[in-house]
Amino acid sequence: METHKYSNGEINVIWQPHKCIHAGICVKTLPKIYNPKDRPWIKAENASSEELINQIKQCPSGALSYETLTQK
């Protein structure tokens, strides 16, 4: 299945388009991050990890998830 990852340097936001129901909660909650008219449409670097995680937890379809990046 197709997935896309967008990083802010601390976490990767993972988007799975096949799960997305286009509820728009992401766009309404963090419009400076999620803009479907832009490419890439997710600009994770424009938010803190905490903001992103709080928003991702509100995704009703589970199309958005995240993974933390480990420091080397």
PDB file of N, CA and C in Angstrom:
ATOM      1  N   MET A   1       0.830  -1.178   0.000  1.00  0.00           N
ATOM      2  CA  MET A   1       0.000   0.000   0.000  1.00  0.00           C
ATOM      3  C   MET A   1       0.884   1.255   0.000  1.00  0.00           C
ATOM      4  N   GLU A   2       0.415   2.237  -0.666  1.00  0.00           N
ATOM      5  CA  GLU A   2       1.130   3.498  -0.800  1.00  0.00           C
ATOM      6  C   GLU A   2       1.122   4.273   0.521  1.00  0.00           C
ATOM      7  N   THR A   3       2.300   4.760   0.929  1.00  0.00           N
ATOM      8  CA  THR A   3       2.410   5.639   2.089  1.00  0.00           C
ATOM      9  C   THR A   3       3.375   6.769   1.748  1.00  0.00           C
ATOM     10  N   HIS A   4       3.170   7.893   2.410  1.00  0.00           N
ATOM     11  CA  HIS A   4       4.036   9.064   2.235  1.00  0.00           C
ATOM     12  C   HIS A   4       4.489   9.513   3.607  1.00  0.00           C
ATOM     13  N   LYS A   5       5.757   9.934   3.708  1.00  0.00           N
ATOM     14  CA  LYS A   5       6.301  10.405   4.980  1.00  0.00           C
ATOM     15  C   LYS A   5       6.778  11.844   4.833  1.00  0.00           C
ATOM     16  N   TYR A   6       6.476  12.621   5.872  1.00  0.00           N
ATOM     17  CA  TYR A   6       6.856  14.032   5.918  1.00  0.00           C
ATOM     18  C   TYR A   6       7.475  14.284   7.289  1.00  0.00           C
ATOM     19  N   SER A   7       8.678  14.833   7.337  1.00  0.00           N
ATOM     20  CA  SER A   7       9.409  14.955   8.587  1.00  0.00           C
ATOM     21  C   SER A   7       9.534  16.396   9.066  1.00  0.00           C
ATOM     22  N   ASN A   8       9.533  16.567  10.390  1.00  0.00           N
ATOM     23  CA  ASN A   8       9.894  17.853  10.977  1.00  0.00           C
ATOM     24  C   ASN A   8      11.248  17.760  11.665  1.00  0.00           C
ATOM     25  N   GLY A   9      11.949  16.645  11.474  1.00  0.00           N
ATOM     26  CA  GLY A   9      13.260  16.418  12.069  1.00  0.00           C
ATOM     27  C   GLY A   9      13.206  15.598  13.350  1.00  0.00           C
ATOM     28  N   GLU A  10      12.045  15.556  14.000  1.00  0.00           N
ATOM     29  CA  GLU A  10      11.865  14.771  15.221  1.00  0.00           C
ATOM     30  C   GLU A  10      10.925  13.593  15.012  1.00  0.00           C
ATOM     31  N   ILE A  11       9.911  13.813  14.180  1.00  0.00           N
ATOM     32  CA  ILE A  11       8.967  12.738  13.861  1.00  0.00           C
ATOM     33  C   ILE A  11       8.682  12.743  12.365  1.00  0.00           C
ATOM     34  N   ASN A  12       8.256  11.602  11.874  1.00  0.00           N
ATOM     35  CA  ASN A  12       7.721  11.495  10.523  1.00  0.00           C
ATOM     36  C   ASN A  12       6.215  11.411  10.623  1.00  0.00           C
ATOM     37  N   VAL A  13       5.535  12.262   9.877  1.00  0.00           N
ATOM     38  CA  VAL A  13       4.089  12.136   9.713  1.00  0.00           C
ATOM     39  C   VAL A  13       3.887  11.167   8.555  1.00  0.00           C
ATOM     40  N   ILE A  14       3.108  10.143   8.776  1.00  0.00           N
ATOM     41  CA  ILE A  14       2.873   9.121   7.762  1.00  0.00           C
ATOM     42  C   ILE A  14       1.435   9.249   7.283  1.00  0.00           C
ATOM     43  N   TRP A  15       1.276   9.402   5.974  1.00  0.00           N
ATOM     44  CA  TRP A  15      -0.058   9.506   5.378  1.00  0.00           C
ATOM     45  C   TRP A  15      -0.289   8.310   4.476  1.00  0.00           C
ATOM     46  N   GLN A  16      -1.402   7.618   4.683  1.00  0.00           N
ATOM     47  CA  GLN A  16      -1.799   6.482   3.873  1.00  0.00           C
ATOM     48  C   GLN A  16      -3.057   6.878   3.094  1.00  0.00           C
ATOM     49  N   PRO A  17      -2.886   7.334   1.846  1.00  0.00           N
ATOM     50  CA  PRO A  17      -4.017   7.870   1.092  1.00  0.00           C
ATOM     51  C   PRO A  17      -5.191   6.906   0.926  1.00  0.00           C
ATOM     52  N   HIS A  18      -4.921   5.614   0.863  1.00  0.00           N
ATOM     53  CA  HIS A  18      -6.005   4.642   0.679  1.00  0.00           C
ATOM     54  C   HIS A  18      -6.940   4.574   1.888  1.00  0.00           C
ATOM     55  N   LYS A  19      -6.507   5.051   3.054  1.00  0.00           N
ATOM     56  CA  LYS A  19      -7.333   5.059   4.255  1.00  0.00           C
ATOM     57  C   LYS A  19      -8.085   6.379   4.448  1.00  0.00           C
ATOM     58  N   CYS A  20      -7.639   7.412   3.751  1.00  0.00           N
ATOM     59  CA  CYS A  20      -8.154   8.764   3.981  1.00  0.00           C
ATOM     60  C   CYS A  20      -9.618   8.888   3.555  1.00  0.00           C
ATOM     61  N   ILE A  21     -10.452   9.421   4.457  1.00  0.00           N
ATOM     62  CA  ILE A  21     -11.865   9.651   4.140  1.00  0.00           C
ATOM     63  C   ILE A  21     -12.128  11.142   3.906  1.00  0.00           C
ATOM     64  N   HIS A  22     -11.087  11.940   3.880  1.00  0.00           N
ATOM     65  CA  HIS A  22     -11.163  13.378   3.587  1.00  0.00           C
ATOM     66  C   HIS A  22     -12.123  14.116   4.514  1.00  0.00           C
ATOM     67  N   ALA A  23     -12.051  13.787   5.802  1.00  0.00           N
ATOM     68  CA  ALA A  23     -12.881  14.451   6.799  1.00  0.00           C
ATOM     69  C   ALA A  23     -12.468  15.919   6.970  1.00  0.00           C
ATOM     70  N   GLY A  24     -11.216  16.227   6.671  1.00  0.00           N
ATOM     71  CA  GLY A  24     -10.749  17.609   6.728  1.00  0.00           C
ATOM     72  C   GLY A  24     -10.335  18.088   8.099  1.00  0.00           C
ATOM     73  N   ILE A  25     -10.337  17.215   9.093  1.00  0.00           N
ATOM     74  CA  ILE A  25      -9.951  17.621  10.438  1.00  0.00           C
ATOM     75  C   ILE A  25      -8.512  18.126  10.462  1.00  0.00           C
ATOM     76  N   CYS A  26      -7.633  17.487   9.723  1.00  0.00           N
ATOM     77  CA  CYS A  26      -6.235  17.909   9.687  1.00  0.00           C
ATOM     78  C   CYS A  26      -6.105  19.335   9.140  1.00  0.00           C
ATOM     79  N   VAL A  27      -6.796  19.613   8.057  1.00  0.00           N
ATOM     80  CA  VAL A  27      -6.735  20.935   7.415  1.00  0.00           C
ATOM     81  C   VAL A  27      -7.336  22.004   8.330  1.00  0.00           C
ATOM     82  N   LYS A  28      -8.449  21.682   8.986  1.00  0.00           N
ATOM     83  CA  LYS A  28      -9.109  22.651   9.872  1.00  0.00           C
ATOM     84  C   LYS A  28      -8.293  22.902  11.133  1.00  0.00           C
ATOM     85  N   THR A  29      -7.637  21.863  11.644  1.00  0.00           N
ATOM     86  CA  THR A  29      -6.887  21.977  12.886  1.00  0.00           C
ATOM     87  C   THR A  29      -5.545  22.685  12.691  1.00  0.00           C
ATOM     88  N   LEU A  30      -4.812  22.316  11.653  1.00  0.00           N
ATOM     89  CA  LEU A  30      -3.485  22.886  11.404  1.00  0.00           C
ATOM     90  C   LEU A  30      -3.345  23.300   9.931  1.00  0.00           C
ATOM     91  N   PRO A  31      -4.001  24.380   9.524  1.00  0.00           N
ATOM     92  CA  PRO A  31      -3.956  24.769   8.114  1.00  0.00           C
ATOM     93  C   PRO A  31      -2.572  25.191   7.614  1.00  0.00           C
ATOM     94  N   LYS A  32      -1.679  25.593   8.514  1.00  0.00           N
ATOM     95  CA  LYS A  32      -0.320  25.943   8.075  1.00  0.00           C
ATOM     96  C   LYS A  32       0.518  24.697   7.776  1.00  0.00           C
ATOM     97  N   ILE A  33       0.027  23.548   8.199  1.00  0.00           N
ATOM     98  CA  ILE A  33       0.724  22.277   7.958  1.00  0.00           C
ATOM     99  C   ILE A  33       0.101  21.520   6.792  1.00  0.00           C
ATOM    100  N   TYR A  34      -1.228  21.416   6.812  1.00  0.00           N
ATOM    101  CA  TYR A  34      -1.961  20.614   5.837  1.00  0.00           C
ATOM    102  C   TYR A  34      -2.679  21.535   4.848  1.00  0.00           C
ATOM    103  N   ASN A  35      -2.232  21.511   3.604  1.00  0.00           N
ATOM    104  CA  ASN A  35      -2.877  22.305   2.559  1.00  0.00           C
ATOM    105  C   ASN A  35      -2.950  21.456   1.298  1.00  0.00           C
ATOM    106  N   PRO A  36      -4.125  20.915   0.986  1.00  0.00           N
ATOM    107  CA  PRO A  36      -4.259  20.008  -0.156  1.00  0.00           C
ATOM    108  C   PRO A  36      -3.915  20.634  -1.501  1.00  0.00           C
ATOM    109  N   LYS A  37      -3.871  21.960  -1.579  1.00  0.00           N
ATOM    110  CA  LYS A  37      -3.531  22.629  -2.839  1.00  0.00           C
ATOM    111  C   LYS A  37      -2.030  22.734  -3.058  1.00  0.00           C
ATOM    112  N   ASP A  38      -1.235  22.565  -2.000  1.00  0.00           N
ATOM    113  CA  ASP A  38       0.226  22.649  -2.096  1.00  0.00           C
ATOM    114  C   ASP A  38       0.834  21.285  -2.405  1.00  0.00           C
ATOM    115  N   ARG A  39       2.035  21.291  -2.893  1.00  0.00           N
ATOM    116  CA  ARG A  39       2.829  20.077  -3.080  1.00  0.00           C
ATOM    117  C   ARG A  39       4.200  20.312  -2.493  1.00  0.00           C
ATOM    118  N   PRO A  40       4.666  19.568  -1.515  1.00  0.00           N
ATOM    119  CA  PRO A  40       3.886  18.537  -0.837  1.00  0.00           C
ATOM    120  C   PRO A  40       2.770  19.169  -0.015  1.00  0.00           C
ATOM    121  N   TRP A  41       1.710  18.437   0.201  1.00  0.00           N
ATOM    122  CA  TRP A  41       0.543  19.000   0.883  1.00  0.00           C
ATOM    123  C   TRP A  41       0.683  19.002   2.403  1.00  0.00           C
ATOM    124  N   ILE A  42       1.656  18.249   2.917  1.00  0.00           N
ATOM    125  CA  ILE A  42       1.945  18.262   4.353  1.00  0.00           C
ATOM    126  C   ILE A  42       3.321  18.880   4.554  1.00  0.00           C
ATOM    127  N   LYS A  43       3.382  19.943   5.335  1.00  0.00           N
ATOM    128  CA  LYS A  43       4.641  20.624   5.668  1.00  0.00           C
ATOM    129  C   LYS A  43       4.874  20.468   7.165  1.00  0.00           C
ATOM    130  N   ALA A  44       5.337  19.278   7.554  1.00  0.00           N
ATOM    131  CA  ALA A  44       5.516  18.922   8.960  1.00  0.00           C
ATOM    132  C   ALA A  44       6.494  19.852   9.674  1.00  0.00           C
ATOM    133  N   GLU A  45       7.410  20.433   8.941  1.00  0.00           N
ATOM    134  CA  GLU A  45       8.411  21.313   9.553  1.00  0.00           C
ATOM    135  C   GLU A  45       7.812  22.600  10.106  1.00  0.00           C
ATOM    136  N   ASN A  46       6.566  22.890   9.783  1.00  0.00           N
ATOM    137  CA  ASN A  46       5.905  24.113  10.241  1.00  0.00           C
ATOM    138  C   ASN A  46       5.200  23.954  11.589  1.00  0.00           C
ATOM    139  N   ALA A  47       5.392  22.820  12.269  1.00  0.00           N
ATOM    140  CA  ALA A  47       4.736  22.602  13.562  1.00  0.00           C
ATOM    141  C   ALA A  47       5.663  21.834  14.495  1.00  0.00           C
ATOM    142  N   SER A  48       5.373  21.951  15.770  1.00  0.00           N
ATOM    143  CA  SER A  48       6.113  21.159  16.755  1.00  0.00           C
ATOM    144  C   SER A  48       5.621  19.712  16.695  1.00  0.00           C
ATOM    145  N   SER A  49       6.439  18.829  17.209  1.00  0.00           N
ATOM    146  CA  SER A  49       6.045  17.418  17.254  1.00  0.00           C
ATOM    147  C   SER A  49       4.787  17.242  18.085  1.00  0.00           C
ATOM    148  N   GLU A  50       4.677  17.978  19.172  1.00  0.00           N
ATOM    149  CA  GLU A  50       3.498  17.883  20.039  1.00  0.00           C
ATOM    150  C   GLU A  50       2.227  18.302  19.294  1.00  0.00           C
ATOM    151  N   GLU A  51       2.295  19.398  18.544  1.00  0.00           N
ATOM    152  CA  GLU A  51       1.135  19.834  17.751  1.00  0.00           C
ATOM    153  C   GLU A  51       0.730  18.769  16.737  1.00  0.00           C
ATOM    154  N   LEU A  52       1.724  18.218  16.058  1.00  0.00           N
ATOM    155  CA  LEU A  52       1.449  17.203  15.044  1.00  0.00           C
ATOM    156  C   LEU A  52       0.827  15.953  15.663  1.00  0.00           C
ATOM    157  N   ILE A  53       1.397  15.483  16.748  1.00  0.00           N
ATOM    158  CA  ILE A  53       0.900  14.265  17.400  1.00  0.00           C
ATOM    159  C   ILE A  53      -0.529  14.468  17.883  1.00  0.00           C
ATOM    160  N   ASN A  54      -0.802  15.620  18.504  1.00  0.00           N
ATOM    161  CA  ASN A  54      -2.169  15.896  18.974  1.00  0.00           C
ATOM    162  C   ASN A  54      -3.155  15.896  17.824  1.00  0.00           C
ATOM    163  N   GLN A  55      -2.781  16.458  16.695  1.00  0.00           N
ATOM    164  CA  GLN A  55      -3.671  16.482  15.534  1.00  0.00           C
ATOM    165  C   GLN A  55      -3.829  15.090  14.936  1.00  0.00           C
ATOM    166  N   ILE A  56      -2.741  14.357  14.795  1.00  0.00           N
ATOM    167  CA  ILE A  56      -2.773  13.012  14.209  1.00  0.00           C
ATOM    168  C   ILE A  56      -3.714  12.098  14.999  1.00  0.00           C
ATOM    169  N   LYS A  57      -3.740  12.255  16.308  1.00  0.00           N
ATOM    170  CA  LYS A  57      -4.619  11.442  17.152  1.00  0.00           C
ATOM    171  C   LYS A  57      -6.099  11.712  16.880  1.00  0.00           C
ATOM    172  N   GLN A  58      -6.411  12.831  16.239  1.00  0.00           N
ATOM    173  CA  GLN A  58      -7.800  13.175  15.912  1.00  0.00           C
ATOM    174  C   GLN A  58      -8.249  12.647  14.552  1.00  0.00           C
ATOM    175  N   CYS A  59      -7.349  12.072  13.780  1.00  0.00           N
ATOM    176  CA  CYS A  59      -7.685  11.585  12.440  1.00  0.00           C
ATOM    177  C   CYS A  59      -8.671  10.414  12.558  1.00  0.00           C
ATOM    178  N   PRO A  60      -9.906  10.573  12.053  1.00  0.00           N
ATOM    179  CA  PRO A  60     -10.919   9.544  12.247  1.00  0.00           C
ATOM    180  C   PRO A  60     -10.689   8.247  11.468  1.00  0.00           C
ATOM    181  N   SER A  61      -9.950   8.311  10.381  1.00  0.00           N
ATOM    182  CA  SER A  61      -9.767   7.120   9.548  1.00  0.00           C
ATOM    183  C   SER A  61      -8.477   6.362   9.840  1.00  0.00           C
ATOM    184  N   GLY A  62      -7.560   6.994  10.567  1.00  0.00           N
ATOM    185  CA  GLY A  62      -6.259   6.372  10.792  1.00  0.00           C
ATOM    186  C   GLY A  62      -5.316   6.547   9.614  1.00  0.00           C
ATOM    187  N   ALA A  63      -5.674   7.413   8.667  1.00  0.00           N
ATOM    188  CA  ALA A  63      -4.821   7.652   7.503  1.00  0.00           C
ATOM    189  C   ALA A  63      -3.530   8.367   7.890  1.00  0.00           C
ATOM    190  N   LEU A  64      -3.577   9.116   8.987  1.00  0.00           N
ATOM    191  CA  LEU A  64      -2.389   9.797   9.491  1.00  0.00           C
ATOM    192  C   LEU A  64      -1.879   9.067  10.722  1.00  0.00           C
ATOM    193  N   SER A  65      -0.582   8.856  10.756  1.00  0.00           N
ATOM    194  CA  SER A  65       0.084   8.277  11.919  1.00  0.00           C
ATOM    195  C   SER A  65       1.462   8.917  11.992  1.00  0.00           C
ATOM    196  N   TYR A  66       2.251   8.512  12.951  1.00  0.00           N
ATOM    197  CA  TYR A  66       3.598   9.094  13.066  1.00  0.00           C
ATOM    198  C   TYR A  66       4.564   8.068  13.624  1.00  0.00           C
ATOM    199  N   GLU A  67       5.827   8.350  13.405  1.00  0.00           N
ATOM    200  CA  GLU A  67       6.901   7.562  14.002  1.00  0.00           C
ATOM    201  C   GLU A  67       7.951   8.545  14.482  1.00  0.00           C
ATOM    202  N   THR A  68       8.553   8.258  15.616  1.00  0.00           N
ATOM    203  CA  THR A  68       9.596   9.131  16.129  1.00  0.00           C
ATOM    204  C   THR A  68      10.919   8.765  15.472  1.00  0.00           C
ATOM    205  N   LEU A  69      11.732   9.772  15.274  1.00  0.00           N
ATOM    206  CA  LEU A  69      13.050   9.569  14.682  1.00  0.00           C
ATOM    207  C   LEU A  69      14.065   9.455  15.813  1.00  0.00           C
ATOM    208  N   THR A  70      14.965   8.500  15.722  1.00  0.00           N
ATOM    209  CA  THR A  70      15.974   8.329  16.746  1.00  0.00           C
ATOM    210  C   THR A  70      17.200   9.147  16.399  1.00  0.00           C
ATOM    211  N   GLN A  71      17.783   9.708  17.416  1.00  0.00           N
ATOM    212  CA  GLN A  71      19.013  10.477  17.236  1.00  0.00           C
ATOM    213  C   GLN A  71      20.195   9.525  17.179  1.00  0.00           C
ATOM    214  N   LYS A  72      21.130   9.772  16.257  1.00  0.00           N
ATOM    215  CA  LYS A  72      22.309   8.916  16.125  1.00  0.00           C
ATOM    216  C   LYS A  72      23.535   9.640  16.626  1.00  0.00           C
TER     217      LYS A  72
END
